[in-house]
Amino acid sequence: MEVVLIDRFTVPEESKVTFLAEVRKSAAFLRALPGFVEGFVYENSGGASHNVVTTAVWKDEDSAQPQLEFCCGA
């Protein structure tokens, strides 16, 4: 069964361009990892900050586990 990892960020307006550039770098890295299926970036702009949600779909729990350990200590 596929596993979806979801992250949510609130990014100040002045950091948006830099943040999204880093998200693109991370996405390129993830695409090269075994078991990576697809990922998406969702953005909702408004006011002084932007809400950004990223998703990463992994083919199974074994593929997702190293990412969980890296980001969350799971």
N, C-alpha and C. Protein backbone atom coordinates (compact mmCIF):
# COMPACT_ATOMS: atom_id res chain seq x y z
N MET A 1 0.84 -1.18 0.00
CA MET A 1 0.00 0.00 0.00
C MET A 1 0.89 1.24 0.00
N GLU A 2 0.56 2.22 -0.82
CA GLU A 2 1.32 3.46 -0.87
C GLU A 2 1.19 4.23 0.44
N VAL A 3 2.24 5.00 0.73
CA VAL A 3 2.28 5.84 1.93
C VAL A 3 2.46 7.28 1.48
N VAL A 4 1.66 8.18 2.02
CA VAL A 4 1.75 9.60 1.68
C VAL A 4 2.24 10.37 2.90
N LEU A 5 3.34 11.11 2.71
CA LEU A 5 3.85 11.98 3.76
C LEU A 5 3.45 13.41 3.40
N ILE A 6 2.91 14.13 4.38
CA ILE A 6 2.41 15.48 4.16
C ILE A 6 3.08 16.41 5.15
N ASP A 7 3.59 17.54 4.64
CA ASP A 7 4.17 18.57 5.50
C ASP A 7 3.48 19.89 5.20
N ARG A 8 3.33 20.70 6.25
CA ARG A 8 2.68 22.01 6.10
C ARG A 8 3.62 23.08 6.64
N PHE A 9 3.74 24.18 5.90
CA PHE A 9 4.63 25.26 6.29
C PHE A 9 3.90 26.59 6.15
N THR A 10 4.19 27.51 7.05
CA THR A 10 3.75 28.89 6.92
C THR A 10 5.00 29.71 6.63
N VAL A 11 5.02 30.35 5.47
CA VAL A 11 6.22 31.01 4.98
C VAL A 11 5.97 32.52 4.87
N PRO A 12 6.81 33.33 5.52
CA PRO A 12 6.65 34.79 5.37
C PRO A 12 6.87 35.22 3.92
N GLU A 13 6.20 36.27 3.52
CA GLU A 13 6.29 36.79 2.15
C GLU A 13 7.74 36.97 1.71
N GLU A 14 8.57 37.52 2.57
CA GLU A 14 9.95 37.82 2.18
C GLU A 14 10.81 36.55 2.00
N SER A 15 10.34 35.42 2.47
CA SER A 15 11.08 34.16 2.36
C SER A 15 10.52 33.22 1.29
N LYS A 16 9.44 33.61 0.66
CA LYS A 16 8.73 32.71 -0.25
C LYS A 16 9.61 32.21 -1.41
N VAL A 17 10.29 33.09 -2.10
CA VAL A 17 11.09 32.70 -3.26
C VAL A 17 12.18 31.72 -2.85
N THR A 18 12.90 32.04 -1.79
CA THR A 18 13.97 31.16 -1.31
C THR A 18 13.42 29.83 -0.84
N PHE A 19 12.32 29.85 -0.11
CA PHE A 19 11.72 28.62 0.39
C PHE A 19 11.31 27.71 -0.76
N LEU A 20 10.63 28.26 -1.75
CA LEU A 20 10.17 27.43 -2.88
C LEU A 20 11.35 26.89 -3.69
N ALA A 21 12.44 27.65 -3.78
CA ALA A 21 13.64 27.14 -4.45
C ALA A 21 14.20 25.93 -3.70
N GLU A 22 14.20 25.99 -2.39
CA GLU A 22 14.67 24.85 -1.58
C GLU A 22 13.73 23.65 -1.70
N VAL A 23 12.44 23.92 -1.78
CA VAL A 23 11.46 22.84 -1.98
C VAL A 23 11.74 22.13 -3.30
N ARG A 24 12.05 22.90 -4.35
CA ARG A 24 12.36 22.29 -5.65
C ARG A 24 13.62 21.42 -5.56
N LYS A 25 14.63 21.89 -4.84
CA LYS A 25 15.85 21.08 -4.65
C LYS A 25 15.53 19.78 -3.93
N SER A 26 14.74 19.88 -2.87
CA SER A 26 14.36 18.68 -2.11
C SER A 26 13.57 17.71 -2.99
N ALA A 27 12.67 18.25 -3.80
CA ALA A 27 11.86 17.40 -4.67
C ALA A 27 12.74 16.65 -5.67
N ALA A 28 13.74 17.33 -6.20
CA ALA A 28 14.65 16.67 -7.15
C ALA A 28 15.40 15.53 -6.46
N PHE A 29 15.82 15.75 -5.24
CA PHE A 29 16.51 14.71 -4.47
C PHE A 29 15.58 13.52 -4.22
N LEU A 30 14.35 13.80 -3.78
CA LEU A 30 13.40 12.73 -3.48
C LEU A 30 13.09 11.89 -4.71
N ARG A 31 12.97 12.53 -5.87
CA ARG A 31 12.65 11.80 -7.10
C ARG A 31 13.69 10.73 -7.42
N ALA A 32 14.91 10.92 -6.93
CA ALA A 32 15.99 9.96 -7.21
C ALA A 32 16.02 8.79 -6.23
N LEU A 33 15.23 8.85 -5.17
CA LEU A 33 15.25 7.80 -4.16
C LEU A 33 14.38 6.61 -4.55
N PRO A 34 14.83 5.40 -4.19
CA PRO A 34 14.04 4.21 -4.51
C PRO A 34 12.69 4.25 -3.78
N GLY A 35 11.65 3.89 -4.50
CA GLY A 35 10.32 3.81 -3.90
C GLY A 35 9.52 5.09 -3.99
N PHE A 36 10.14 6.18 -4.44
CA PHE A 36 9.40 7.43 -4.58
C PHE A 36 8.46 7.33 -5.77
N VAL A 37 7.19 7.68 -5.58
CA VAL A 37 6.19 7.58 -6.64
C VAL A 37 5.93 8.95 -7.26
N GLU A 38 5.56 9.93 -6.41
CA GLU A 38 5.27 11.28 -6.90
C GLU A 38 5.18 12.23 -5.72
N GLY A 39 5.28 13.50 -6.03
CA GLY A 39 5.16 14.52 -4.98
C GLY A 39 4.53 15.77 -5.57
N PHE A 40 3.93 16.56 -4.69
CA PHE A 40 3.25 17.78 -5.11
C PHE A 40 3.51 18.89 -4.11
N VAL A 41 3.42 20.13 -4.59
CA VAL A 41 3.51 21.31 -3.74
C VAL A 41 2.23 22.10 -3.95
N TYR A 42 1.56 22.42 -2.86
CA TYR A 42 0.34 23.21 -2.91
C TYR A 42 0.60 24.51 -2.17
N GLU A 43 0.13 25.60 -2.75
CA GLU A 43 0.42 26.91 -2.18
C GLU A 43 -0.85 27.73 -2.10
N ASN A 44 -1.04 28.39 -0.96
CA ASN A 44 -2.16 29.29 -0.76
C ASN A 44 -1.59 30.61 -0.27
N SER A 45 -1.64 31.62 -1.14
CA SER A 45 -1.07 32.91 -0.81
C SER A 45 -2.15 33.85 -0.31
N GLY A 46 -1.75 34.68 0.62
CA GLY A 46 -2.68 35.68 1.11
C GLY A 46 -2.10 36.38 2.32
N GLY A 47 -2.15 37.68 2.31
CA GLY A 47 -1.65 38.43 3.44
C GLY A 47 -0.13 38.43 3.51
N ALA A 48 0.38 38.46 4.72
CA ALA A 48 1.82 38.57 4.93
C ALA A 48 2.54 37.23 4.88
N SER A 49 1.79 36.13 4.76
CA SER A 49 2.44 34.82 4.73
C SER A 49 1.75 33.91 3.72
N HIS A 50 2.43 32.82 3.42
CA HIS A 50 1.93 31.84 2.46
C HIS A 50 1.88 30.49 3.15
N ASN A 51 0.82 29.76 2.91
CA ASN A 51 0.73 28.40 3.40
C ASN A 51 1.16 27.47 2.27
N VAL A 52 2.11 26.60 2.58
CA VAL A 52 2.63 25.66 1.60
C VAL A 52 2.47 24.26 2.17
N VAL A 53 1.92 23.37 1.36
CA VAL A 53 1.79 21.96 1.74
C VAL A 53 2.55 21.14 0.71
N THR A 54 3.39 20.24 1.18
CA THR A 54 4.10 19.33 0.28
C THR A 54 3.66 17.91 0.58
N THR A 55 3.58 17.12 -0.47
CA THR A 55 3.27 15.70 -0.30
C THR A 55 4.33 14.88 -1.01
N ALA A 56 4.60 13.72 -0.46
CA ALA A 56 5.49 12.75 -1.09
C ALA A 56 4.83 11.39 -0.97
N VAL A 57 4.65 10.74 -2.10
CA VAL A 57 4.02 9.42 -2.13
C VAL A 57 5.12 8.38 -2.31
N TRP A 58 5.10 7.37 -1.45
CA TRP A 58 6.08 6.29 -1.48
C TRP A 58 5.35 4.99 -1.80
N LYS A 59 6.03 4.07 -2.49
CA LYS A 59 5.35 2.86 -2.96
C LYS A 59 4.89 1.97 -1.82
N ASP A 60 5.56 2.04 -0.67
CA ASP A 60 5.16 1.22 0.48
C ASP A 60 5.82 1.76 1.75
N GLU A 61 5.46 1.17 2.87
CA GLU A 61 5.98 1.62 4.16
C GLU A 61 7.49 1.47 4.26
N ASP A 62 8.03 0.40 3.69
CA ASP A 62 9.48 0.20 3.72
C ASP A 62 10.21 1.33 3.00
N SER A 63 9.66 1.82 1.91
CA SER A 63 10.26 2.94 1.18
C SER A 63 10.15 4.24 1.95
N ALA A 64 9.06 4.44 2.66
CA ALA A 64 8.82 5.68 3.39
C ALA A 64 9.59 5.74 4.71
N GLN A 65 9.89 4.60 5.29
CA GLN A 65 10.48 4.55 6.63
C GLN A 65 11.76 5.38 6.78
N PRO A 66 12.73 5.30 5.86
CA PRO A 66 13.93 6.12 6.05
C PRO A 66 13.62 7.62 6.10
N GLN A 67 12.63 8.07 5.34
CA GLN A 67 12.25 9.48 5.37
C GLN A 67 11.60 9.85 6.69
N LEU A 68 10.78 8.96 7.23
CA LEU A 68 10.17 9.19 8.53
C LEU A 68 11.23 9.28 9.62
N GLU A 69 12.21 8.40 9.56
CA GLU A 69 13.29 8.43 10.55
C GLU A 69 14.11 9.70 10.43
N PHE A 70 14.37 10.15 9.20
CA PHE A 70 15.16 11.35 8.99
C PHE A 70 14.45 12.59 9.50
N CYS A 71 13.18 12.74 9.13
CA CYS A 71 12.48 13.98 9.47
C CYS A 71 11.85 13.97 10.85
N CYS A 72 11.45 12.79 11.29
CA CYS A 72 10.60 12.75 12.49
C CYS A 72 11.15 11.89 13.62
N GLY A 73 12.25 11.21 13.37
CA GLY A 73 12.79 10.33 14.39
C GLY A 73 11.95 9.11 14.65
N ALA A 74 11.07 8.75 13.69
CA ALA A 74 10.16 7.60 13.87
C ALA A 74 10.89 6.28 13.73
